[in-house]
């Protein structure tokens, strides 16, 4: 009997360890995220399934052009996925031609799917706070992002993580890469 009890206890302990590790991974390290909508086309498409890294931002801040995930403040359990454009302390403005300016310098980037037609609240220069980010979808003319009052600037504490790997569709499986935005500001 003792041998059977020891075997059952060992098995229960193993299952508990797997459940605990899974819980810790999902809540603190990574999670699967689905893309719903077309605001990140052509980079991400409706139905894409991603792995979101939730650990990195415990050790460093988000960088320009990284794709981040954050909750939408007016809809519980709804999350947005957008690209970081403006960093804390910067000034962001979008002109009538769809050009983005950071601290008065033109941001050269190629993520926008087309010319941005609506600058929204960024038609007037926006000063980001010490813990705020300005985000845009890559499909700029259909994206609800920091240009709109109901999204606005994203607080650092609200950023859940960054999209790092596409797991579905299998034909596009692989890392989601970004290019540094530090040298993309032109006088």
Foldseek 3Di string as FASTA:
>chain_A
DVVVVVVVVVVVVVVVVVVVVVVCCCQAAKDKDADDDDLAPPLDHHGWIFIFGQHVCVPPADAAQFWFKFAQPPDPPHIDIWGWHFAAFWKWAAAQQQFIAINNFTFDDDLAPDTAHDQAPRNPIDGHHRFWTFTGHNPRNPTDGCSDPSHNTDGRVRTRGTTFWTPPPVVPTDTRDDDHRPPRTHD
